[in-house]
Amino acid sequence: FFAAMAESERDHIRDKTLEGQETA
């Protein structure tokens, strides 16, 4: 469960980074 949570957190950080780049 926590392994999946760790993977989900990485995906979330990556998505937020891409959103920030697109906004820029």
PDBML (XML) file of the C-alpha atoms, coordinates in Angstrom:
<?xml version="1.0" encoding="UTF-8" ?>
<PDBx:datablock datablockName="MODEL"
   xmlns:PDBx="http://pdbml.pdb.org/schema/pdbx-v50.xsd"
   xmlns:xsi="http://www.w3.org/2001/XMLSchema-instance"
   xsi:schemaLocation="http://pdbml.pdb.org/schema/pdbx-v50.xsd pdbx-v50.xsd">
   <PDBx:atom_siteCategory>
      <PDBx:atom_site id="1">
         <PDBx:B_iso_or_equiv>0.00</PDBx:B_iso_or_equiv>
         <PDBx:Cartn_x>0.000</PDBx:Cartn_x>
         <PDBx:Cartn_y>0.000</PDBx:Cartn_y>
         <PDBx:Cartn_z>0.000</PDBx:Cartn_z>
         <PDBx:auth_asym_id>A</PDBx:auth_asym_id>
         <PDBx:auth_atom_id>CA</PDBx:auth_atom_id>
         <PDBx:auth_comp_id>PHE</PDBx:auth_comp_id>
         <PDBx:auth_seq_id>1</PDBx:auth_seq_id>
         <PDBx:group_PDB>ATOM</PDBx:group_PDB>
         <PDBx:label_alt_id xsi:nil="true" />
         <PDBx:label_asym_id>A</PDBx:label_asym_id>
         <PDBx:label_atom_id>CA</PDBx:label_atom_id>
         <PDBx:label_comp_id>PHE</PDBx:label_comp_id>
         <PDBx:label_entity_id>1</PDBx:label_entity_id>
         <PDBx:label_seq_id>1</PDBx:label_seq_id>
         <PDBx:occupancy>1.00</PDBx:occupancy>
         <PDBx:pdbx_PDB_model_num>1</PDBx:pdbx_PDB_model_num>
         <PDBx:type_symbol>C</PDBx:type_symbol>
      </PDBx:atom_site>
      <PDBx:atom_site id="2">
         <PDBx:B_iso_or_equiv>0.00</PDBx:B_iso_or_equiv>
         <PDBx:Cartn_x>2.680</PDBx:Cartn_x>
         <PDBx:Cartn_y>2.495</PDBx:Cartn_y>
         <PDBx:Cartn_z>0.975</PDBx:Cartn_z>
         <PDBx:auth_asym_id>A</PDBx:auth_asym_id>
         <PDBx:auth_atom_id>CA</PDBx:auth_atom_id>
         <PDBx:auth_comp_id>PHE</PDBx:auth_comp_id>
         <PDBx:auth_seq_id>2</PDBx:auth_seq_id>
         <PDBx:group_PDB>ATOM</PDBx:group_PDB>
         <PDBx:label_alt_id xsi:nil="true" />
         <PDBx:label_asym_id>A</PDBx:label_asym_id>
         <PDBx:label_atom_id>CA</PDBx:label_atom_id>
         <PDBx:label_comp_id>PHE</PDBx:label_comp_id>
         <PDBx:label_entity_id>1</PDBx:label_entity_id>
         <PDBx:label_seq_id>2</PDBx:label_seq_id>
         <PDBx:occupancy>1.00</PDBx:occupancy>
         <PDBx:pdbx_PDB_model_num>1</PDBx:pdbx_PDB_model_num>
         <PDBx:type_symbol>C</PDBx:type_symbol>
      </PDBx:atom_site>
      <PDBx:atom_site id="3">
         <PDBx:B_iso_or_equiv>0.00</PDBx:B_iso_or_equiv>
         <PDBx:Cartn_x>4.751</PDBx:Cartn_x>
         <PDBx:Cartn_y>1.538</PDBx:Cartn_y>
         <PDBx:Cartn_z>-2.060</PDBx:Cartn_z>
         <PDBx:auth_asym_id>A</PDBx:auth_asym_id>
         <PDBx:auth_atom_id>CA</PDBx:auth_atom_id>
         <PDBx:auth_comp_id>ALA</PDBx:auth_comp_id>
         <PDBx:auth_seq_id>3</PDBx:auth_seq_id>
         <PDBx:group_PDB>ATOM</PDBx:group_PDB>
         <PDBx:label_alt_id xsi:nil="true" />
         <PDBx:label_asym_id>A</PDBx:label_asym_id>
         <PDBx:label_atom_id>CA</PDBx:label_atom_id>
         <PDBx:label_comp_id>ALA</PDBx:label_comp_id>
         <PDBx:label_entity_id>1</PDBx:label_entity_id>
         <PDBx:label_seq_id>3</PDBx:label_seq_id>
         <PDBx:occupancy>1.00</PDBx:occupancy>
         <PDBx:pdbx_PDB_model_num>1</PDBx:pdbx_PDB_model_num>
         <PDBx:type_symbol>C</PDBx:type_symbol>
      </PDBx:atom_site>
      <PDBx:atom_site id="4">
         <PDBx:B_iso_or_equiv>0.00</PDBx:B_iso_or_equiv>
         <PDBx:Cartn_x>1.795</PDBx:Cartn_x>
         <PDBx:Cartn_y>2.463</PDBx:Cartn_y>
         <PDBx:Cartn_z>-4.250</PDBx:Cartn_z>
         <PDBx:auth_asym_id>A</PDBx:auth_asym_id>
         <PDBx:auth_atom_id>CA</PDBx:auth_atom_id>
         <PDBx:auth_comp_id>ALA</PDBx:auth_comp_id>
         <PDBx:auth_seq_id>4</PDBx:auth_seq_id>
         <PDBx:group_PDB>ATOM</PDBx:group_PDB>
         <PDBx:label_alt_id xsi:nil="true" />
         <PDBx:label_asym_id>A</PDBx:label_asym_id>
         <PDBx:label_atom_id>CA</PDBx:label_atom_id>
         <PDBx:label_comp_id>ALA</PDBx:label_comp_id>
         <PDBx:label_entity_id>1</PDBx:label_entity_id>
         <PDBx:label_seq_id>4</PDBx:label_seq_id>
         <PDBx:occupancy>1.00</PDBx:occupancy>
         <PDBx:pdbx_PDB_model_num>1</PDBx:pdbx_PDB_model_num>
         <PDBx:type_symbol>C</PDBx:type_symbol>
      </PDBx:atom_site>
      <PDBx:atom_site id="5">
         <PDBx:B_iso_or_equiv>0.00</PDBx:B_iso_or_equiv>
         <PDBx:Cartn_x>1.397</PDBx:Cartn_x>
         <PDBx:Cartn_y>5.695</PDBx:Cartn_y>
         <PDBx:Cartn_z>-2.299</PDBx:Cartn_z>
         <PDBx:auth_asym_id>A</PDBx:auth_asym_id>
         <PDBx:auth_atom_id>CA</PDBx:auth_atom_id>
         <PDBx:auth_comp_id>MET</PDBx:auth_comp_id>
         <PDBx:auth_seq_id>5</PDBx:auth_seq_id>
         <PDBx:group_PDB>ATOM</PDBx:group_PDB>
         <PDBx:label_alt_id xsi:nil="true" />
         <PDBx:label_asym_id>A</PDBx:label_asym_id>
         <PDBx:label_atom_id>CA</PDBx:label_atom_id>
         <PDBx:label_comp_id>MET</PDBx:label_comp_id>
         <PDBx:label_entity_id>1</PDBx:label_entity_id>
         <PDBx:label_seq_id>5</PDBx:label_seq_id>
         <PDBx:occupancy>1.00</PDBx:occupancy>
         <PDBx:pdbx_PDB_model_num>1</PDBx:pdbx_PDB_model_num>
         <PDBx:type_symbol>C</PDBx:type_symbol>
      </PDBx:atom_site>
      <PDBx:atom_site id="6">
         <PDBx:B_iso_or_equiv>0.00</PDBx:B_iso_or_equiv>
         <PDBx:Cartn_x>5.047</PDBx:Cartn_x>
         <PDBx:Cartn_y>6.560</PDBx:Cartn_y>
         <PDBx:Cartn_z>-2.962</PDBx:Cartn_z>
         <PDBx:auth_asym_id>A</PDBx:auth_asym_id>
         <PDBx:auth_atom_id>CA</PDBx:auth_atom_id>
         <PDBx:auth_comp_id>ALA</PDBx:auth_comp_id>
         <PDBx:auth_seq_id>6</PDBx:auth_seq_id>
         <PDBx:group_PDB>ATOM</PDBx:group_PDB>
         <PDBx:label_alt_id xsi:nil="true" />
         <PDBx:label_asym_id>A</PDBx:label_asym_id>
         <PDBx:label_atom_id>CA</PDBx:label_atom_id>
         <PDBx:label_comp_id>ALA</PDBx:label_comp_id>
         <PDBx:label_entity_id>1</PDBx:label_entity_id>
         <PDBx:label_seq_id>6</PDBx:label_seq_id>
         <PDBx:occupancy>1.00</PDBx:occupancy>
         <PDBx:pdbx_PDB_model_num>1</PDBx:pdbx_PDB_model_num>
         <PDBx:type_symbol>C</PDBx:type_symbol>
      </PDBx:atom_site>
      <PDBx:atom_site id="7">
         <PDBx:B_iso_or_equiv>0.00</PDBx:B_iso_or_equiv>
         <PDBx:Cartn_x>4.564</PDBx:Cartn_x>
         <PDBx:Cartn_y>5.974</PDBx:Cartn_y>
         <PDBx:Cartn_z>-6.684</PDBx:Cartn_z>
         <PDBx:auth_asym_id>A</PDBx:auth_asym_id>
         <PDBx:auth_atom_id>CA</PDBx:auth_atom_id>
         <PDBx:auth_comp_id>GLU</PDBx:auth_comp_id>
         <PDBx:auth_seq_id>7</PDBx:auth_seq_id>
         <PDBx:group_PDB>ATOM</PDBx:group_PDB>
         <PDBx:label_alt_id xsi:nil="true" />
         <PDBx:label_asym_id>A</PDBx:label_asym_id>
         <PDBx:label_atom_id>CA</PDBx:label_atom_id>
         <PDBx:label_comp_id>GLU</PDBx:label_comp_id>
         <PDBx:label_entity_id>1</PDBx:label_entity_id>
         <PDBx:label_seq_id>7</PDBx:label_seq_id>
         <PDBx:occupancy>1.00</PDBx:occupancy>
         <PDBx:pdbx_PDB_model_num>1</PDBx:pdbx_PDB_model_num>
         <PDBx:type_symbol>C</PDBx:type_symbol>
      </PDBx:atom_site>
      <PDBx:atom_site id="8">
         <PDBx:B_iso_or_equiv>0.00</PDBx:B_iso_or_equiv>
         <PDBx:Cartn_x>1.396</PDBx:Cartn_x>
         <PDBx:Cartn_y>8.099</PDBx:Cartn_y>
         <PDBx:Cartn_z>-6.650</PDBx:Cartn_z>
         <PDBx:auth_asym_id>A</PDBx:auth_asym_id>
         <PDBx:auth_atom_id>CA</PDBx:auth_atom_id>
         <PDBx:auth_comp_id>SER</PDBx:auth_comp_id>
         <PDBx:auth_seq_id>8</PDBx:auth_seq_id>
         <PDBx:group_PDB>ATOM</PDBx:group_PDB>
         <PDBx:label_alt_id xsi:nil="true" />
         <PDBx:label_asym_id>A</PDBx:label_asym_id>
         <PDBx:label_atom_id>CA</PDBx:label_atom_id>
         <PDBx:label_comp_id>SER</PDBx:label_comp_id>
         <PDBx:label_entity_id>1</PDBx:label_entity_id>
         <PDBx:label_seq_id>8</PDBx:label_seq_id>
         <PDBx:occupancy>1.00</PDBx:occupancy>
         <PDBx:pdbx_PDB_model_num>1</PDBx:pdbx_PDB_model_num>
         <PDBx:type_symbol>C</PDBx:type_symbol>
      </PDBx:atom_site>
      <PDBx:atom_site id="9">
         <PDBx:B_iso_or_equiv>0.00</PDBx:B_iso_or_equiv>
         <PDBx:Cartn_x>3.275</PDBx:Cartn_x>
         <PDBx:Cartn_y>10.926</PDBx:Cartn_y>
         <PDBx:Cartn_z>-4.917</PDBx:Cartn_z>
         <PDBx:auth_asym_id>A</PDBx:auth_asym_id>
         <PDBx:auth_atom_id>CA</PDBx:auth_atom_id>
         <PDBx:auth_comp_id>GLU</PDBx:auth_comp_id>
         <PDBx:auth_seq_id>9</PDBx:auth_seq_id>
         <PDBx:group_PDB>ATOM</PDBx:group_PDB>
         <PDBx:label_alt_id xsi:nil="true" />
         <PDBx:label_asym_id>A</PDBx:label_asym_id>
         <PDBx:label_atom_id>CA</PDBx:label_atom_id>
         <PDBx:label_comp_id>GLU</PDBx:label_comp_id>
         <PDBx:label_entity_id>1</PDBx:label_entity_id>
         <PDBx:label_seq_id>9</PDBx:label_seq_id>
         <PDBx:occupancy>1.00</PDBx:occupancy>
         <PDBx:pdbx_PDB_model_num>1</PDBx:pdbx_PDB_model_num>
         <PDBx:type_symbol>C</PDBx:type_symbol>
      </PDBx:atom_site>
      <PDBx:atom_site id="10">
         <PDBx:B_iso_or_equiv>0.00</PDBx:B_iso_or_equiv>
         <PDBx:Cartn_x>5.971</PDBx:Cartn_x>
         <PDBx:Cartn_y>10.919</PDBx:Cartn_y>
         <PDBx:Cartn_z>-7.588</PDBx:Cartn_z>
         <PDBx:auth_asym_id>A</PDBx:auth_asym_id>
         <PDBx:auth_atom_id>CA</PDBx:auth_atom_id>
         <PDBx:auth_comp_id>ARG</PDBx:auth_comp_id>
         <PDBx:auth_seq_id>10</PDBx:auth_seq_id>
         <PDBx:group_PDB>ATOM</PDBx:group_PDB>
         <PDBx:label_alt_id xsi:nil="true" />
         <PDBx:label_asym_id>A</PDBx:label_asym_id>
         <PDBx:label_atom_id>CA</PDBx:label_atom_id>
         <PDBx:label_comp_id>ARG</PDBx:label_comp_id>
         <PDBx:label_entity_id>1</PDBx:label_entity_id>
         <PDBx:label_seq_id>10</PDBx:label_seq_id>
         <PDBx:occupancy>1.00</PDBx:occupancy>
         <PDBx:pdbx_PDB_model_num>1</PDBx:pdbx_PDB_model_num>
         <PDBx:type_symbol>C</PDBx:type_symbol>
      </PDBx:atom_site>
      <PDBx:atom_site id="11">
         <PDBx:B_iso_or_equiv>0.00</PDBx:B_iso_or_equiv>
         <PDBx:Cartn_x>3.332</PDBx:Cartn_x>
         <PDBx:Cartn_y>11.033</PDBx:Cartn_y>
         <PDBx:Cartn_z>-10.324</PDBx:Cartn_z>
         <PDBx:auth_asym_id>A</PDBx:auth_asym_id>
         <PDBx:auth_atom_id>CA</PDBx:auth_atom_id>
         <PDBx:auth_comp_id>ASP</PDBx:auth_comp_id>
         <PDBx:auth_seq_id>11</PDBx:auth_seq_id>
         <PDBx:group_PDB>ATOM</PDBx:group_PDB>
         <PDBx:label_alt_id xsi:nil="true" />
         <PDBx:label_asym_id>A</PDBx:label_asym_id>
         <PDBx:label_atom_id>CA</PDBx:label_atom_id>
         <PDBx:label_comp_id>ASP</PDBx:label_comp_id>
         <PDBx:label_entity_id>1</PDBx:label_entity_id>
         <PDBx:label_seq_id>11</PDBx:label_seq_id>
         <PDBx:occupancy>1.00</PDBx:occupancy>
         <PDBx:pdbx_PDB_model_num>1</PDBx:pdbx_PDB_model_num>
         <PDBx:type_symbol>C</PDBx:type_symbol>
      </PDBx:atom_site>
      <PDBx:atom_site id="12">
         <PDBx:B_iso_or_equiv>0.00</PDBx:B_iso_or_equiv>
         <PDBx:Cartn_x>1.651</PDBx:Cartn_x>
         <PDBx:Cartn_y>13.974</PDBx:Cartn_y>
         <PDBx:Cartn_z>-8.557</PDBx:Cartn_z>
         <PDBx:auth_asym_id>A</PDBx:auth_asym_id>
         <PDBx:auth_atom_id>CA</PDBx:auth_atom_id>
         <PDBx:auth_comp_id>HIS</PDBx:auth_comp_id>
         <PDBx:auth_seq_id>12</PDBx:auth_seq_id>
         <PDBx:group_PDB>ATOM</PDBx:group_PDB>
         <PDBx:label_alt_id xsi:nil="true" />
         <PDBx:label_asym_id>A</PDBx:label_asym_id>
         <PDBx:label_atom_id>CA</PDBx:label_atom_id>
         <PDBx:label_comp_id>HIS</PDBx:label_comp_id>
         <PDBx:label_entity_id>1</PDBx:label_entity_id>
         <PDBx:label_seq_id>12</PDBx:label_seq_id>
         <PDBx:occupancy>1.00</PDBx:occupancy>
         <PDBx:pdbx_PDB_model_num>1</PDBx:pdbx_PDB_model_num>
         <PDBx:type_symbol>C</PDBx:type_symbol>
      </PDBx:atom_site>
      <PDBx:atom_site id="13">
         <PDBx:B_iso_or_equiv>0.00</PDBx:B_iso_or_equiv>
         <PDBx:Cartn_x>4.935</PDBx:Cartn_x>
         <PDBx:Cartn_y>15.912</PDBx:Cartn_y>
         <PDBx:Cartn_z>-8.359</PDBx:Cartn_z>
         <PDBx:auth_asym_id>A</PDBx:auth_asym_id>
         <PDBx:auth_atom_id>CA</PDBx:auth_atom_id>
         <PDBx:auth_comp_id>ILE</PDBx:auth_comp_id>
         <PDBx:auth_seq_id>13</PDBx:auth_seq_id>
         <PDBx:group_PDB>ATOM</PDBx:group_PDB>
         <PDBx:label_alt_id xsi:nil="true" />
         <PDBx:label_asym_id>A</PDBx:label_asym_id>
         <PDBx:label_atom_id>CA</PDBx:label_atom_id>
         <PDBx:label_comp_id>ILE</PDBx:label_comp_id>
         <PDBx:label_entity_id>1</PDBx:label_entity_id>
         <PDBx:label_seq_id>13</PDBx:label_seq_id>
         <PDBx:occupancy>1.00</PDBx:occupancy>
         <PDBx:pdbx_PDB_model_num>1</PDBx:pdbx_PDB_model_num>
         <PDBx:type_symbol>C</PDBx:type_symbol>
      </PDBx:atom_site>
      <PDBx:atom_site id="14">
         <PDBx:B_iso_or_equiv>0.00</PDBx:B_iso_or_equiv>
         <PDBx:Cartn_x>5.647</PDBx:Cartn_x>
         <PDBx:Cartn_y>15.226</PDBx:Cartn_y>
         <PDBx:Cartn_z>-12.038</PDBx:Cartn_z>
         <PDBx:auth_asym_id>A</PDBx:auth_asym_id>
         <PDBx:auth_atom_id>CA</PDBx:auth_atom_id>
         <PDBx:auth_comp_id>ARG</PDBx:auth_comp_id>
         <PDBx:auth_seq_id>14</PDBx:auth_seq_id>
         <PDBx:group_PDB>ATOM</PDBx:group_PDB>
         <PDBx:label_alt_id xsi:nil="true" />
         <PDBx:label_asym_id>A</PDBx:label_asym_id>
         <PDBx:label_atom_id>CA</PDBx:label_atom_id>
         <PDBx:label_comp_id>ARG</PDBx:label_comp_id>
         <PDBx:label_entity_id>1</PDBx:label_entity_id>
         <PDBx:label_seq_id>14</PDBx:label_seq_id>
         <PDBx:occupancy>1.00</PDBx:occupancy>
         <PDBx:pdbx_PDB_model_num>1</PDBx:pdbx_PDB_model_num>
         <PDBx:type_symbol>C</PDBx:type_symbol>
      </PDBx:atom_site>
      <PDBx:atom_site id="15">
         <PDBx:B_iso_or_equiv>0.00</PDBx:B_iso_or_equiv>
         <PDBx:Cartn_x>2.141</PDBx:Cartn_x>
         <PDBx:Cartn_y>16.361</PDBx:Cartn_y>
         <PDBx:Cartn_z>-13.065</PDBx:Cartn_z>
         <PDBx:auth_asym_id>A</PDBx:auth_asym_id>
         <PDBx:auth_atom_id>CA</PDBx:auth_atom_id>
         <PDBx:auth_comp_id>ASP</PDBx:auth_comp_id>
         <PDBx:auth_seq_id>15</PDBx:auth_seq_id>
         <PDBx:group_PDB>ATOM</PDBx:group_PDB>
         <PDBx:label_alt_id xsi:nil="true" />
         <PDBx:label_asym_id>A</PDBx:label_asym_id>
         <PDBx:label_atom_id>CA</PDBx:label_atom_id>
         <PDBx:label_comp_id>ASP</PDBx:label_comp_id>
         <PDBx:label_entity_id>1</PDBx:label_entity_id>
         <PDBx:label_seq_id>15</PDBx:label_seq_id>
         <PDBx:occupancy>1.00</PDBx:occupancy>
         <PDBx:pdbx_PDB_model_num>1</PDBx:pdbx_PDB_model_num>
         <PDBx:type_symbol>C</PDBx:type_symbol>
      </PDBx:atom_site>
      <PDBx:atom_site id="16">
         <PDBx:B_iso_or_equiv>0.00</PDBx:B_iso_or_equiv>
         <PDBx:Cartn_x>2.453</PDBx:Cartn_x>
         <PDBx:Cartn_y>19.582</PDBx:Cartn_y>
         <PDBx:Cartn_z>-11.043</PDBx:Cartn_z>
         <PDBx:auth_asym_id>A</PDBx:auth_asym_id>
         <PDBx:auth_atom_id>CA</PDBx:auth_atom_id>
         <PDBx:auth_comp_id>LYS</PDBx:auth_comp_id>
         <PDBx:auth_seq_id>16</PDBx:auth_seq_id>
         <PDBx:group_PDB>ATOM</PDBx:group_PDB>
         <PDBx:label_alt_id xsi:nil="true" />
         <PDBx:label_asym_id>A</PDBx:label_asym_id>
         <PDBx:label_atom_id>CA</PDBx:label_atom_id>
         <PDBx:label_comp_id>LYS</PDBx:label_comp_id>
         <PDBx:label_entity_id>1</PDBx:label_entity_id>
         <PDBx:label_seq_id>16</PDBx:label_seq_id>
         <PDBx:occupancy>1.00</PDBx:occupancy>
         <PDBx:pdbx_PDB_model_num>1</PDBx:pdbx_PDB_model_num>
         <PDBx:type_symbol>C</PDBx:type_symbol>
      </PDBx:atom_site>
      <PDBx:atom_site id="17">
         <PDBx:B_iso_or_equiv>0.00</PDBx:B_iso_or_equiv>
         <PDBx:Cartn_x>5.828</PDBx:Cartn_x>
         <PDBx:Cartn_y>20.281</PDBx:Cartn_y>
         <PDBx:Cartn_z>-12.670</PDBx:Cartn_z>
         <PDBx:auth_asym_id>A</PDBx:auth_asym_id>
         <PDBx:auth_atom_id>CA</PDBx:auth_atom_id>
         <PDBx:auth_comp_id>THR</PDBx:auth_comp_id>
         <PDBx:auth_seq_id>17</PDBx:auth_seq_id>
         <PDBx:group_PDB>ATOM</PDBx:group_PDB>
         <PDBx:label_alt_id xsi:nil="true" />
         <PDBx:label_asym_id>A</PDBx:label_asym_id>
         <PDBx:label_atom_id>CA</PDBx:label_atom_id>
         <PDBx:label_comp_id>THR</PDBx:label_comp_id>
         <PDBx:label_entity_id>1</PDBx:label_entity_id>
         <PDBx:label_seq_id>17</PDBx:label_seq_id>
         <PDBx:occupancy>1.00</PDBx:occupancy>
         <PDBx:pdbx_PDB_model_num>1</PDBx:pdbx_PDB_model_num>
         <PDBx:type_symbol>C</PDBx:type_symbol>
      </PDBx:atom_site>
      <PDBx:atom_site id="18">
         <PDBx:B_iso_or_equiv>0.00</PDBx:B_iso_or_equiv>
         <PDBx:Cartn_x>4.393</PDBx:Cartn_x>
         <PDBx:Cartn_y>19.827</PDBx:Cartn_y>
         <PDBx:Cartn_z>-16.161</PDBx:Cartn_z>
         <PDBx:auth_asym_id>A</PDBx:auth_asym_id>
         <PDBx:auth_atom_id>CA</PDBx:auth_atom_id>
         <PDBx:auth_comp_id>LEU</PDBx:auth_comp_id>
         <PDBx:auth_seq_id>18</PDBx:auth_seq_id>
         <PDBx:group_PDB>ATOM</PDBx:group_PDB>
         <PDBx:label_alt_id xsi:nil="true" />
         <PDBx:label_asym_id>A</PDBx:label_asym_id>
         <PDBx:label_atom_id>CA</PDBx:label_atom_id>
         <PDBx:label_comp_id>LEU</PDBx:label_comp_id>
         <PDBx:label_entity_id>1</PDBx:label_entity_id>
         <PDBx:label_seq_id>18</PDBx:label_seq_id>
         <PDBx:occupancy>1.00</PDBx:occupancy>
         <PDBx:pdbx_PDB_model_num>1</PDBx:pdbx_PDB_model_num>
         <PDBx:type_symbol>C</PDBx:type_symbol>
      </PDBx:atom_site>
      <PDBx:atom_site id="19">
         <PDBx:B_iso_or_equiv>0.00</PDBx:B_iso_or_equiv>
         <PDBx:Cartn_x>1.404</PDBx:Cartn_x>
         <PDBx:Cartn_y>22.035</PDBx:Cartn_y>
         <PDBx:Cartn_z>-15.292</PDBx:Cartn_z>
         <PDBx:auth_asym_id>A</PDBx:auth_asym_id>
         <PDBx:auth_atom_id>CA</PDBx:auth_atom_id>
         <PDBx:auth_comp_id>GLU</PDBx:auth_comp_id>
         <PDBx:auth_seq_id>19</PDBx:auth_seq_id>
         <PDBx:group_PDB>ATOM</PDBx:group_PDB>
         <PDBx:label_alt_id xsi:nil="true" />
         <PDBx:label_asym_id>A</PDBx:label_asym_id>
         <PDBx:label_atom_id>CA</PDBx:label_atom_id>
         <PDBx:label_comp_id>GLU</PDBx:label_comp_id>
         <PDBx:label_entity_id>1</PDBx:label_entity_id>
         <PDBx:label_seq_id>19</PDBx:label_seq_id>
         <PDBx:occupancy>1.00</PDBx:occupancy>
         <PDBx:pdbx_PDB_model_num>1</PDBx:pdbx_PDB_model_num>
         <PDBx:type_symbol>C</PDBx:type_symbol>
      </PDBx:atom_site>
      <PDBx:atom_site id="20">
         <PDBx:B_iso_or_equiv>0.00</PDBx:B_iso_or_equiv>
         <PDBx:Cartn_x>3.764</PDBx:Cartn_x>
         <PDBx:Cartn_y>24.761</PDBx:Cartn_y>
         <PDBx:Cartn_z>-14.088</PDBx:Cartn_z>
         <PDBx:auth_asym_id>A</PDBx:auth_asym_id>
         <PDBx:auth_atom_id>CA</PDBx:auth_atom_id>
         <PDBx:auth_comp_id>GLY</PDBx:auth_comp_id>
         <PDBx:auth_seq_id>20</PDBx:auth_seq_id>
         <PDBx:group_PDB>ATOM</PDBx:group_PDB>
         <PDBx:label_alt_id xsi:nil="true" />
         <PDBx:label_asym_id>A</PDBx:label_asym_id>
         <PDBx:label_atom_id>CA</PDBx:label_atom_id>
         <PDBx:label_comp_id>GLY</PDBx:label_comp_id>
         <PDBx:label_entity_id>1</PDBx:label_entity_id>
         <PDBx:label_seq_id>20</PDBx:label_seq_id>
         <PDBx:occupancy>1.00</PDBx:occupancy>
         <PDBx:pdbx_PDB_model_num>1</PDBx:pdbx_PDB_model_num>
         <PDBx:type_symbol>C</PDBx:type_symbol>
      </PDBx:atom_site>
      <PDBx:atom_site id="21">
         <PDBx:B_iso_or_equiv>0.00</PDBx:B_iso_or_equiv>
         <PDBx:Cartn_x>5.799</PDBx:Cartn_x>
         <PDBx:Cartn_y>24.577</PDBx:Cartn_y>
         <PDBx:Cartn_z>-17.267</PDBx:Cartn_z>
         <PDBx:auth_asym_id>A</PDBx:auth_asym_id>
         <PDBx:auth_atom_id>CA</PDBx:auth_atom_id>
         <PDBx:auth_comp_id>GLN</PDBx:auth_comp_id>
         <PDBx:auth_seq_id>21</PDBx:auth_seq_id>
         <PDBx:group_PDB>ATOM</PDBx:group_PDB>
         <PDBx:label_alt_id xsi:nil="true" />
         <PDBx:label_asym_id>A</PDBx:label_asym_id>
         <PDBx:label_atom_id>CA</PDBx:label_atom_id>
         <PDBx:label_comp_id>GLN</PDBx:label_comp_id>
         <PDBx:label_entity_id>1</PDBx:label_entity_id>
         <PDBx:label_seq_id>21</PDBx:label_seq_id>
         <PDBx:occupancy>1.00</PDBx:occupancy>
         <PDBx:pdbx_PDB_model_num>1</PDBx:pdbx_PDB_model_num>
         <PDBx:type_symbol>C</PDBx:type_symbol>
      </PDBx:atom_site>
      <PDBx:atom_site id="22">
         <PDBx:B_iso_or_equiv>0.00</PDBx:B_iso_or_equiv>
         <PDBx:Cartn_x>2.683</PDBx:Cartn_x>
         <PDBx:Cartn_y>24.782</PDBx:Cartn_y>
         <PDBx:Cartn_z>-19.410</PDBx:Cartn_z>
         <PDBx:auth_asym_id>A</PDBx:auth_asym_id>
         <PDBx:auth_atom_id>CA</PDBx:auth_atom_id>
         <PDBx:auth_comp_id>GLU</PDBx:auth_comp_id>
         <PDBx:auth_seq_id>22</PDBx:auth_seq_id>
         <PDBx:group_PDB>ATOM</PDBx:group_PDB>
         <PDBx:label_alt_id xsi:nil="true" />
         <PDBx:label_asym_id>A</PDBx:label_asym_id>
         <PDBx:label_atom_id>CA</PDBx:label_atom_id>
         <PDBx:label_comp_id>GLU</PDBx:label_comp_id>
         <PDBx:label_entity_id>1</PDBx:label_entity_id>
         <PDBx:label_seq_id>22</PDBx:label_seq_id>
         <PDBx:occupancy>1.00</PDBx:occupancy>
         <PDBx:pdbx_PDB_model_num>1</PDBx:pdbx_PDB_model_num>
         <PDBx:type_symbol>C</PDBx:type_symbol>
      </PDBx:atom_site>
      <PDBx:atom_site id="23">
         <PDBx:B_iso_or_equiv>0.00</PDBx:B_iso_or_equiv>
         <PDBx:Cartn_x>1.446</PDBx:Cartn_x>
         <PDBx:Cartn_y>27.813</PDBx:Cartn_y>
         <PDBx:Cartn_z>-17.466</PDBx:Cartn_z>
         <PDBx:auth_asym_id>A</PDBx:auth_asym_id>
         <PDBx:auth_atom_id>CA</PDBx:auth_atom_id>
         <PDBx:auth_comp_id>THR</PDBx:auth_comp_id>
         <PDBx:auth_seq_id>23</PDBx:auth_seq_id>
         <PDBx:group_PDB>ATOM</PDBx:group_PDB>
         <PDBx:label_alt_id xsi:nil="true" />
         <PDBx:label_asym_id>A</PDBx:label_asym_id>
         <PDBx:label_atom_id>CA</PDBx:label_atom_id>
         <PDBx:label_comp_id>THR</PDBx:label_comp_id>
         <PDBx:label_entity_id>1</PDBx:label_entity_id>
         <PDBx:label_seq_id>23</PDBx:label_seq_id>
         <PDBx:occupancy>1.00</PDBx:occupancy>
         <PDBx:pdbx_PDB_model_num>1</PDBx:pdbx_PDB_model_num>
         <PDBx:type_symbol>C</PDBx:type_symbol>
      </PDBx:atom_site>
      <PDBx:atom_site id="24">
         <PDBx:B_iso_or_equiv>0.00</PDBx:B_iso_or_equiv>
         <PDBx:Cartn_x>4.819</PDBx:Cartn_x>
         <PDBx:Cartn_y>29.491</PDBx:Cartn_y>
         <PDBx:Cartn_z>-17.964</PDBx:Cartn_z>
         <PDBx:auth_asym_id>A</PDBx:auth_asym_id>
         <PDBx:auth_atom_id>CA</PDBx:auth_atom_id>
         <PDBx:auth_comp_id>ALA</PDBx:auth_comp_id>
         <PDBx:auth_seq_id>24</PDBx:auth_seq_id>
         <PDBx:group_PDB>ATOM</PDBx:group_PDB>
         <PDBx:label_alt_id xsi:nil="true" />
         <PDBx:label_asym_id>A</PDBx:label_asym_id>
         <PDBx:label_atom_id>CA</PDBx:label_atom_id>
         <PDBx:label_comp_id>ALA</PDBx:label_comp_id>
         <PDBx:label_entity_id>1</PDBx:label_entity_id>
         <PDBx:label_seq_id>24</PDBx:label_seq_id>
         <PDBx:occupancy>1.00</PDBx:occupancy>
         <PDBx:pdbx_PDB_model_num>1</PDBx:pdbx_PDB_model_num>
         <PDBx:type_symbol>C</PDBx:type_symbol>
      </PDBx:atom_site>
   </PDBx:atom_siteCategory>
</PDBx:datablock>
